[in-house]
Amino acid sequence: MRGFGLPVEKKKGNGKKSEWEIPEAEKGLHASGHACGPDLLRIAREIKPQVLIPIHSEAPEFYKNKLRGSGIEVRLPEVCGSIEL
């Protein structure tokens, strides 16, 4: 079996339940379920929306800086603010 492109082994535990083990070299692997920044930028550039509004982002300015000159208007949301589309 493979997880995130890595081989994953099923190990036998105490008989109560099975566990999946990521190889020792990959113990630092983190999977939040969110795409990483470079992947999100690639998707935005491929889709090329007229407007991109980064929501649920720790650093929305990242998109404004990285997409400058791309033809994609990045609108940054404000707390308790509204954005007219």
C-alpha atoms as a PDB file:
ATOM      1  CA  MET A   1       0.000   0.000   0.000  1.00  0.00           C
ATOM      2  CA  ARG A   2       1.127   3.564  -0.619  1.00  0.00           C
ATOM      3  CA  GLY A   3       0.221   6.749   1.224  1.00  0.00           C
ATOM      4  CA  PHE A   4       1.180  10.131  -0.224  1.00  0.00           C
ATOM      5  CA  GLY A   5       3.394   8.251  -2.690  1.00  0.00           C
ATOM      6  CA  LEU A   6       5.245   6.491   0.128  1.00  0.00           C
ATOM      7  CA  PRO A   7       5.253   2.784   0.905  1.00  0.00           C
ATOM      8  CA  VAL A   8       3.205   2.080   4.021  1.00  0.00           C
ATOM      9  CA  GLU A   9       3.332  -1.195   5.902  1.00  0.00           C
ATOM     10  CA  LYS A  10       0.637  -2.786   8.000  1.00  0.00           C
ATOM     11  CA  LYS A  11       2.145  -4.123  11.213  1.00  0.00           C
ATOM     12  CA  LYS A  12       0.557  -6.585  13.550  1.00  0.00           C
ATOM     13  CA  GLY A  13      -0.120  -5.114  16.938  1.00  0.00           C
ATOM     14  CA  ASN A  14      -1.418  -6.758  20.069  1.00  0.00           C
ATOM     15  CA  GLY A  15      -4.201  -8.484  18.165  1.00  0.00           C
ATOM     16  CA  LYS A  16      -6.831  -5.896  19.100  1.00  0.00           C
ATOM     17  CA  LYS A  17      -6.393  -3.691  16.053  1.00  0.00           C
ATOM     18  CA  SER A  18      -4.009  -3.309  13.166  1.00  0.00           C
ATOM     19  CA  GLU A  19      -1.831  -0.250  12.731  1.00  0.00           C
ATOM     20  CA  TRP A  20      -0.308   1.386   9.681  1.00  0.00           C
ATOM     21  CA  GLU A  21       3.316   2.361   9.927  1.00  0.00           C
ATOM     22  CA  ILE A  22       5.144   5.020   7.926  1.00  0.00           C
ATOM     23  CA  PRO A  23       8.792   4.014   7.398  1.00  0.00           C
ATOM     24  CA  GLU A  24      11.242   5.448   9.970  1.00  0.00           C
ATOM     25  CA  ALA A  25      12.769   7.850   7.426  1.00  0.00           C
ATOM     26  CA  GLU A  26       9.366   9.500   6.997  1.00  0.00           C
ATOM     27  CA  LYS A  27       8.357  10.036  10.655  1.00  0.00           C
ATOM     28  CA  GLY A  28       8.278  13.832  10.199  1.00  0.00           C
ATOM     29  CA  LEU A  29       5.594  13.600   7.517  1.00  0.00           C
ATOM     30  CA  HIS A  30       2.577  15.745   8.335  1.00  0.00           C
ATOM     31  CA  ALA A  31      -0.775  15.471   6.612  1.00  0.00           C
ATOM     32  CA  SER A  32      -3.362  18.073   7.556  1.00  0.00           C
ATOM     33  CA  GLY A  33      -5.668  17.438   4.636  1.00  0.00           C
ATOM     34  CA  HIS A  34      -4.877  20.887   3.229  1.00  0.00           C
ATOM     35  CA  ALA A  35      -2.921  21.529   0.054  1.00  0.00           C
ATOM     36  CA  CYS A  36       0.451  23.244   0.471  1.00  0.00           C
ATOM     37  CA  GLY A  37       1.113  26.823  -0.677  1.00  0.00           C
ATOM     38  CA  PRO A  38       2.930  25.971  -3.931  1.00  0.00           C
ATOM     39  CA  ASP A  39       0.112  23.606  -4.959  1.00  0.00           C
ATOM     40  CA  LEU A  40      -2.547  26.241  -4.245  1.00  0.00           C
ATOM     41  CA  LEU A  41      -0.614  28.799  -6.315  1.00  0.00           C
ATOM     42  CA  ARG A  42      -0.286  26.330  -9.195  1.00  0.00           C
ATOM     43  CA  ILE A  43      -4.034  25.669  -9.097  1.00  0.00           C
ATOM     44  CA  ALA A  44      -4.831  29.407  -9.008  1.00  0.00           C
ATOM     45  CA  ARG A  45      -2.534  30.048 -11.978  1.00  0.00           C
ATOM     46  CA  GLU A  46      -4.073  27.170 -13.953  1.00  0.00           C
ATOM     47  CA  ILE A  47      -7.690  28.169 -13.218  1.00  0.00           C
ATOM     48  CA  LYS A  48      -6.869  31.892 -13.566  1.00  0.00           C
ATOM     49  CA  PRO A  49      -9.958  33.309 -11.842  1.00  0.00           C
ATOM     50  CA  GLN A  50     -10.743  37.008 -12.220  1.00  0.00           C
ATOM     51  CA  VAL A  51     -10.789  37.357  -8.420  1.00  0.00           C
ATOM     52  CA  LEU A  52      -9.193  35.215  -5.703  1.00  0.00           C
ATOM     53  CA  ILE A  53     -10.292  35.689  -2.084  1.00  0.00           C
ATOM     54  CA  PRO A  54      -8.086  33.697   0.304  1.00  0.00           C
ATOM     55  CA  ILE A  55     -10.350  32.458   3.091  1.00  0.00           C
ATOM     56  CA  HIS A  56      -9.281  30.219   5.979  1.00  0.00           C
ATOM     57  CA  SER A  57      -5.656  31.184   5.369  1.00  0.00           C
ATOM     58  CA  GLU A  58      -2.960  31.942   7.943  1.00  0.00           C
ATOM     59  CA  ALA A  59      -1.215  34.351   5.550  1.00  0.00           C
ATOM     60  CA  PRO A  60      -3.589  35.749   2.918  1.00  0.00           C
ATOM     61  CA  GLU A  61      -0.957  38.358   1.903  1.00  0.00           C
ATOM     62  CA  PHE A  62       1.064  35.420   0.515  1.00  0.00           C
ATOM     63  CA  TYR A  63      -1.371  35.179  -2.408  1.00  0.00           C
ATOM     64  CA  LYS A  64      -1.362  38.925  -3.065  1.00  0.00           C
ATOM     65  CA  ASN A  65       2.451  38.917  -3.237  1.00  0.00           C
ATOM     66  CA  LYS A  66       2.876  35.702  -5.235  1.00  0.00           C
ATOM     67  CA  LEU A  67       0.110  36.427  -7.762  1.00  0.00           C
ATOM     68  CA  ARG A  68       1.113  40.055  -8.415  1.00  0.00           C
ATOM     69  CA  GLY A  69       1.251  40.643 -12.174  1.00  0.00           C
ATOM     70  CA  SER A  70      -0.610  37.399 -12.960  1.00  0.00           C
ATOM     71  CA  GLY A  71      -3.849  39.102 -13.973  1.00  0.00           C
ATOM     72  CA  ILE A  72      -5.602  37.607 -10.929  1.00  0.00           C
ATOM     73  CA  GLU A  73      -7.075  40.218  -8.582  1.00  0.00           C
ATOM     74  CA  VAL A  74      -6.488  39.132  -4.978  1.00  0.00           C
ATOM     75  CA  ARG A  75      -8.914  40.638  -2.470  1.00  0.00           C
ATOM     76  CA  LEU A  76      -7.960  40.246   1.171  1.00  0.00           C
ATOM     77  CA  PRO A  77     -10.865  39.715   3.559  1.00  0.00           C
ATOM     78  CA  GLU A  78     -11.134  41.832   6.707  1.00  0.00           C
ATOM     79  CA  VAL A  79     -12.504  40.653  10.040  1.00  0.00           C
ATOM     80  CA  CYS A  80     -16.225  41.481  10.150  1.00  0.00           C
ATOM     81  CA  GLY A  81     -15.895  43.025   6.692  1.00  0.00           C
ATOM     82  CA  SER A  82     -17.719  42.273   3.490  1.00  0.00           C
ATOM     83  CA  ILE A  83     -16.557  41.877  -0.085  1.00  0.00           C
ATOM     84  CA  GLU A  84     -18.805  42.843  -2.963  1.00  0.00           C
ATOM     85  CA  LEU A  85     -18.423  40.631  -6.008  1.00  0.00           C
END
